[in-house]
C-alpha atoms as a PDB file:
ATOM      1  CA  MET A   1      -5.905 -42.084 -20.674  1.00  0.00           C
ATOM      2  CA  LYS A   2      -7.851 -38.689 -20.976  1.00  0.00           C
ATOM      3  CA  LYS A   3      -8.912 -39.174 -17.229  1.00  0.00           C
ATOM      4  CA  GLY A   4      -5.275 -39.346 -16.125  1.00  0.00           C
ATOM      5  CA  PHE A   5      -4.196 -36.569 -18.086  1.00  0.00           C
ATOM      6  CA  LEU A   6      -6.848 -34.021 -16.854  1.00  0.00           C
ATOM      7  CA  LEU A   7      -6.249 -35.009 -13.059  1.00  0.00           C
ATOM      8  CA  LEU A   8      -2.515 -34.451 -13.837  1.00  0.00           C
ATOM      9  CA  LEU A   9      -3.363 -30.483 -15.307  1.00  0.00           C
ATOM     10  CA  LEU A  10      -5.934 -29.584 -12.779  1.00  0.00           C
ATOM     11  CA  PRO A  11      -3.228 -28.923  -9.716  1.00  0.00           C
ATOM     12  CA  ALA A  12      -1.059 -26.854 -12.492  1.00  0.00           C
ATOM     13  CA  THR A  13      -4.087 -24.725 -13.190  1.00  0.00           C
ATOM     14  CA  LEU A  14      -5.145 -24.297  -9.563  1.00  0.00           C
ATOM     15  CA  LEU A  15      -1.451 -23.079  -8.443  1.00  0.00           C
ATOM     16  CA  PRO A  16      -1.668 -19.762  -9.881  1.00  0.00           C
ATOM     17  CA  VAL A  17      -4.884 -18.523  -8.487  1.00  0.00           C
ATOM     18  CA  ALA A  18      -3.828 -20.365  -5.101  1.00  0.00           C
ATOM     19  CA  CYS A  19      -0.621 -18.002  -5.449  1.00  0.00           C
ATOM     20  CA  THR A  20      -2.136 -14.547  -5.974  1.00  0.00           C
ATOM     21  CA  ARG A  21      -1.825 -13.486  -2.513  1.00  0.00           C
ATOM     22  CA  ILE A  22       1.746 -12.444  -1.320  1.00  0.00           C
ATOM     23  CA  ASP A  23       0.534 -11.854   2.468  1.00  0.00           C
ATOM     24  CA  ARG A  24       0.571 -16.046   3.726  1.00  0.00           C
ATOM     25  CA  GLY A  25       3.746 -17.756   4.871  1.00  0.00           C
ATOM     26  CA  ARG A  26       7.070 -16.483   5.955  1.00  0.00           C
ATOM     27  CA  ASP A  27       7.023 -12.916   7.648  1.00  0.00           C
ATOM     28  CA  ILE A  28       9.796 -10.636   6.353  1.00  0.00           C
ATOM     29  CA  HIS A  29      12.312  -9.161   8.301  1.00  0.00           C
ATOM     30  CA  SER A  30      15.468  -6.942   6.939  1.00  0.00           C
ATOM     31  CA  ASP A  31      17.422  -3.763   8.536  1.00  0.00           C
ATOM     32  CA  PHE A  32      14.704  -0.944   7.116  1.00  0.00           C
ATOM     33  CA  MET A  33      11.416  -3.130   7.790  1.00  0.00           C
ATOM     34  CA  ASP A  34       9.346  -5.765   9.181  1.00  0.00           C
ATOM     35  CA  PHE A  35       6.335  -7.007   7.145  1.00  0.00           C
ATOM     36  CA  VAL A  36       4.584  -9.293   9.646  1.00  0.00           C
ATOM     37  CA  TYR A  37       1.321 -11.510   8.108  1.00  0.00           C
ATOM     38  CA  LEU A  38      -0.833 -11.986  10.686  1.00  0.00           C
ATOM     39  CA  LYS A  39      -4.218 -13.863  10.792  1.00  0.00           C
ATOM     40  CA  ASP A  40      -6.456 -11.021   9.888  1.00  0.00           C
ATOM     41  CA  HIS A  41      -4.216  -8.250   9.180  1.00  0.00           C
ATOM     42  CA  ASN A  42      -0.826  -7.313   8.070  1.00  0.00           C
ATOM     43  CA  ARG A  43       1.574  -5.201   9.899  1.00  0.00           C
ATOM     44  CA  PHE A  44       4.234  -2.949   7.981  1.00  0.00           C
ATOM     45  CA  VAL A  45       6.983  -1.362  10.195  1.00  0.00           C
ATOM     46  CA  TYR A  46       9.244   0.941   8.214  1.00  0.00           C
ATOM     47  CA  LYS A  47      12.694   1.542  10.414  1.00  0.00           C
ATOM     48  CA  SER A  48      15.177   2.421   7.818  1.00  0.00           C
ATOM     49  CA  LYS A  49      18.190   4.268   9.220  1.00  0.00           C
ATOM     50  CA  VAL A  50      19.226   5.352   5.756  1.00  0.00           C
ATOM     51  CA  ASN A  51      18.158   9.018   5.407  1.00  0.00           C
ATOM     52  CA  ALA A  52      18.009  11.260   2.639  1.00  0.00           C
ATOM     53  CA  ARG A  53      20.280  14.084   1.527  1.00  0.00           C
ATOM     54  CA  ALA A  54      20.711  17.109  -0.594  1.00  0.00           C
ATOM     55  CA  ASP A  55      23.927  19.194  -0.782  1.00  0.00           C
ATOM     56  CA  THR A  56      24.724  19.494   2.877  1.00  0.00           C
ATOM     57  CA  GLN A  57      21.099  19.191   4.291  1.00  0.00           C
ATOM     58  CA  VAL A  58      20.178  15.654   5.620  1.00  0.00           C
ATOM     59  CA  PHE A  59      16.300  14.779   5.689  1.00  0.00           C
ATOM     60  CA  LEU A  60      15.730  12.549   8.444  1.00  0.00           C
ATOM     61  CA  THR A  61      13.341   9.438   7.767  1.00  0.00           C
ATOM     62  CA  THR A  62      10.467   9.005   9.625  1.00  0.00           C
ATOM     63  CA  HIS A  63       9.920   5.579  11.211  1.00  0.00           C
ATOM     64  CA  PHE A  64       6.240   4.432  11.550  1.00  0.00           C
ATOM     65  CA  ALA A  65       4.338   1.043  11.783  1.00  0.00           C
ATOM     66  CA  VAL A  66       0.811   0.272   9.828  1.00  0.00           C
ATOM     67  CA  ASP A  67      -1.663  -1.984  10.006  1.00  0.00           C
ATOM     68  CA  LEU A  68      -3.063  -3.232   6.589  1.00  0.00           C
ATOM     69  CA  PRO A  69      -5.485  -5.776   5.337  1.00  0.00           C
ATOM     70  CA  LYS A  70      -4.998  -9.004   3.819  1.00  0.00           C
ATOM     71  CA  GLY A  71      -4.915 -10.059   0.425  1.00  0.00           C
ATOM     72  CA  LEU A  72      -2.332  -8.016  -0.619  1.00  0.00           C
ATOM     73  CA  LYS A  73      -1.258  -8.671  -4.292  1.00  0.00           C
ATOM     74  CA  HIS A  74       2.035  -6.094  -4.745  1.00  0.00           C
ATOM     75  CA  TRP A  75       3.781  -3.985  -2.478  1.00  0.00           C
ATOM     76  CA  GLN A  76       6.736  -1.394  -2.893  1.00  0.00           C
ATOM     77  CA  VAL A  77       8.816   1.224  -1.328  1.00  0.00           C
ATOM     78  CA  LEU A  78      10.318   4.222  -3.268  1.00  0.00           C
ATOM     79  CA  GLY A  79      12.005   6.450  -1.289  1.00  0.00           C
ATOM     80  CA  ASN A  80       9.569   7.817   1.377  1.00  0.00           C
ATOM     81  CA  GLU A  81       6.545   6.444  -0.363  1.00  0.00           C
ATOM     82  CA  PHE A  82       4.630   3.215   0.077  1.00  0.00           C
ATOM     83  CA  VAL A  83       2.182   1.410  -2.289  1.00  0.00           C
ATOM     84  CA  PHE A  84       0.558  -1.717  -1.228  1.00  0.00           C
ATOM     85  CA  GLU A  85      -2.030  -3.291  -3.752  1.00  0.00           C
ATOM     86  CA  TYR A  86      -4.995  -5.630  -3.250  1.00  0.00           C
ATOM     87  CA  GLU A  87      -7.627  -7.141  -6.027  1.00  0.00           C
ATOM     88  CA  LYS A  88      -8.908  -5.002  -8.489  1.00  0.00           C
ATOM     89  CA  LYS A  89      -6.301  -2.327  -8.237  1.00  0.00           C
ATOM     90  CA  GLN A  90      -7.764  -1.155  -5.090  1.00  0.00           C
ATOM     91  CA  LEU A  91      -4.448   0.691  -3.192  1.00  0.00           C
ATOM     92  CA  VAL A  92      -3.092   1.758  -0.197  1.00  0.00           C
ATOM     93  CA  TYR A  93      -0.413   4.825  -0.754  1.00  0.00           C
ATOM     94  CA  ILE A  94       0.923   6.258   2.058  1.00  0.00           C
ATOM     95  CA  GLN A  95       3.683   9.077   1.632  1.00  0.00           C
ATOM     96  CA  MET A  96       5.494  10.049   5.166  1.00  0.00           C
ATOM     97  CA  ALA A  97       7.453  13.210   5.598  1.00  0.00           C
ATOM     98  CA  TYR A  98      10.740  13.631   6.940  1.00  0.00           C
ATOM     99  CA  GLN A  99      10.995  14.262  10.547  1.00  0.00           C
ATOM    100  CA  ASN A 100      12.608  17.596  10.185  1.00  0.00           C
ATOM    101  CA  GLU A 101      10.231  18.412   7.422  1.00  0.00           C
ATOM    102  CA  SER A 102       6.757  18.041   8.782  1.00  0.00           C
ATOM    103  CA  GLN A 103       4.857  19.673  10.896  1.00  0.00           C
ATOM    104  CA  PRO A 104       1.391  17.770  13.022  1.00  0.00           C
ATOM    105  CA  ILE A 105      -1.751  18.957  12.355  1.00  0.00           C
ATOM    106  CA  GLU A 106      -5.223  17.877  12.928  1.00  0.00           C
ATOM    107  CA  PRO A 107      -5.868  14.618  11.727  1.00  0.00           C
ATOM    108  CA  THR A 108      -8.287  15.028   8.297  1.00  0.00           C
ATOM    109  CA  LEU A 109      -9.940  12.844   6.211  1.00  0.00           C
ATOM    110  CA  ARG A 110     -11.188  14.095   2.964  1.00  0.00           C
ATOM    111  CA  ASN A 111     -12.350  13.236  -0.923  1.00  0.00           C
ATOM    112  CA  VAL A 112      -9.442  13.181  -3.447  1.00  0.00           C
ATOM    113  CA  ASN A 113      -9.450  14.816  -7.044  1.00  0.00           C
ATOM    114  CA  ASN A 114      -8.631  12.932  -9.878  1.00  0.00           C
ATOM    115  CA  GLU A 115      -5.447  15.398 -10.284  1.00  0.00           C
ATOM    116  CA  GLU A 116      -4.430  14.307  -6.795  1.00  0.00           C
ATOM    117  CA  VAL A 117      -4.629  10.747  -7.518  1.00  0.00           C
ATOM    118  CA  TYR A 118      -2.804  11.036 -10.961  1.00  0.00           C
ATOM    119  CA  ALA A 119      -0.055  12.875  -9.199  1.00  0.00           C
ATOM    120  CA  ARG A 120       0.612  10.581  -6.527  1.00  0.00           C
ATOM    121  CA  LEU A 121       0.064   7.544  -8.046  1.00  0.00           C
ATOM    122  CA  SER A 122       1.277   7.960 -11.976  1.00  0.00           C
ATOM    123  CA  PRO A 123       4.952   6.395 -11.104  1.00  0.00           C
ATOM    124  CA  TYR A 124       3.073   3.624  -9.229  1.00  0.00           C
ATOM    125  CA  TRP A 125       0.989   2.869 -12.636  1.00  0.00           C
ATOM    126  CA  TYR A 126       3.478   3.467 -14.796  1.00  0.00           C
ATOM    127  CA  GLU A 127       5.893   0.989 -13.594  1.00  0.00           C
ATOM    128  CA  ARG A 128       2.988  -1.596 -13.555  1.00  0.00           C
ATOM    129  CA  LYS A 129       2.136  -0.754 -17.115  1.00  0.00           C
ATOM    130  CA  TYR A 130      -1.232  -0.217 -16.256  1.00  0.00           C
ATOM    131  CA  PRO A 131      -3.278   1.498 -18.646  1.00  0.00           C
ATOM    132  CA  GLU A 132      -3.426   5.026 -17.741  1.00  0.00           C
ATOM    133  CA  LYS A 133      -6.913   6.325 -18.477  1.00  0.00           C
ATOM    134  CA  ILE A 134      -7.861   3.567 -15.827  1.00  0.00           C
ATOM    135  CA  LEU A 135      -5.991   6.052 -13.311  1.00  0.00           C
ATOM    136  CA  LYS A 136      -7.515   8.908 -14.741  1.00  0.00           C
ATOM    137  CA  GLU A 137     -11.105   7.483 -14.547  1.00  0.00           C
ATOM    138  CA  ASN A 138     -14.115   7.736 -11.639  1.00  0.00           C
ATOM    139  CA  HIS A 139     -14.893   3.909 -10.689  1.00  0.00           C
ATOM    140  CA  PRO A 140     -18.937   3.542  -9.517  1.00  0.00           C
ATOM    141  CA  GLY A 141     -18.836   1.797  -6.622  1.00  0.00           C
ATOM    142  CA  ARG A 142     -15.586   2.168  -5.429  1.00  0.00           C
ATOM    143  CA  ILE A 143     -14.505   5.074  -3.033  1.00  0.00           C
ATOM    144  CA  SER A 144     -10.761   7.030  -3.056  1.00  0.00           C
ATOM    145  CA  LYS A 145     -10.195   9.175   0.438  1.00  0.00           C
ATOM    146  CA  VAL A 146      -7.229  11.079   1.612  1.00  0.00           C
ATOM    147  CA  TYR A 147      -6.278  11.101   5.373  1.00  0.00           C
ATOM    148  CA  SER A 148      -3.784  13.296   6.587  1.00  0.00           C
ATOM    149  CA  ASP A 149      -2.079  14.863   9.880  1.00  0.00           C
ATOM    150  CA  GLY A 150       0.911  16.389   8.388  1.00  0.00           C
ATOM    151  CA  ARG A 151       3.659  14.036   8.900  1.00  0.00           C
ATOM    152  CA  ALA A 152       1.665  11.327   6.613  1.00  0.00           C
ATOM    153  CA  VAL A 153      -0.576  11.364   3.631  1.00  0.00           C
ATOM    154  CA  ILE A 154      -2.662   8.283   3.086  1.00  0.00           C
ATOM    155  CA  LEU A 155      -4.403   7.554   0.058  1.00  0.00           C
ATOM    156  CA  LEU A 156      -6.930   4.703   0.213  1.00  0.00           C
ATOM    157  CA  TYR A 157      -7.588   4.867  -3.988  1.00  0.00           C
ATOM    158  CA  ASN A 158     -10.682   2.713  -5.743  1.00  0.00           C
ATOM    159  CA  VAL A 159     -11.486   0.708  -2.629  1.00  0.00           C
ATOM    160  CA  LYS A 160     -14.701  -1.180  -2.865  1.00  0.00           C
ATOM    161  CA  GLN A 161     -17.583   0.497  -0.987  1.00  0.00           C
ATOM    162  CA  GLU A 162     -18.030  -2.468   1.336  1.00  0.00           C
ATOM    163  CA  ASN A 163     -14.113  -2.584   2.396  1.00  0.00           C
ATOM    164  CA  VAL A 164     -13.242   0.999   2.815  1.00  0.00           C
ATOM    165  CA  ASP A 165     -14.378   0.913   7.004  1.00  0.00           C
ATOM    166  CA  HIS A 166     -12.103  -1.663   7.403  1.00  0.00           C
ATOM    167  CA  PHE A 167      -9.383   0.162   5.263  1.00  0.00           C
ATOM    168  CA  LEU A 168      -9.674   3.063   7.379  1.00  0.00           C
ATOM    169  CA  ARG A 169      -9.868   1.485  10.638  1.00  0.00           C
ATOM    170  CA  LEU A 170      -6.439  -0.489   9.792  1.00  0.00           C
ATOM    171  CA  THR A 171      -4.662   2.564   8.494  1.00  0.00           C
ATOM    172  CA  ASN A 172      -6.162   5.360  11.089  1.00  0.00           C
ATOM    173  CA  GLY A 173      -3.786   2.886  13.727  1.00  0.00           C
ATOM    174  CA  LEU A 174      -0.806   4.216  11.835  1.00  0.00           C
ATOM    175  CA  THR A 175       2.007   4.837  15.148  1.00  0.00           C
ATOM    176  CA  TYR A 176       5.244   6.816  14.744  1.00  0.00           C
ATOM    177  CA  LEU A 177       8.310   5.088  16.579  1.00  0.00           C
ATOM    178  CA  ASN A 178      11.583   6.505  17.648  1.00  0.00           C
END
């Protein structure tokens, strides 16, 4: 009897482990975005037709496509900010400027300080109910970098050193769409 019970319990214990990645199965297609789960990476396309408005001023949404690593655990869109989370709180954060509020510049890649990390990620961190002290700490063996081209800011946060080149190679392929 014990052996039969153990065999019934085994699939239930394996199920949560098998379902921790969300970038499998059917792609997501909607009016404002596509999320395509390819074999070796994911492709996120933002194509919202909804613009921001303040009084009489209209801010035109920037449409873009970006390749992202596999292993996605969670993602969310907050206005013109996009957060993609991977294992051990490795994050890709993208802030997209509005079309009529941005000026393209020569792309730069730089280190990021804890104040900027906190300013950009604290709303996401708070919503996920992660301990705030983790966001404010430096993490040995982890790298955080910011890429900017005047229209987009891409923050790679807490990325394992062995994953940095892969994350950068994919996210640097960000393209703007009409």
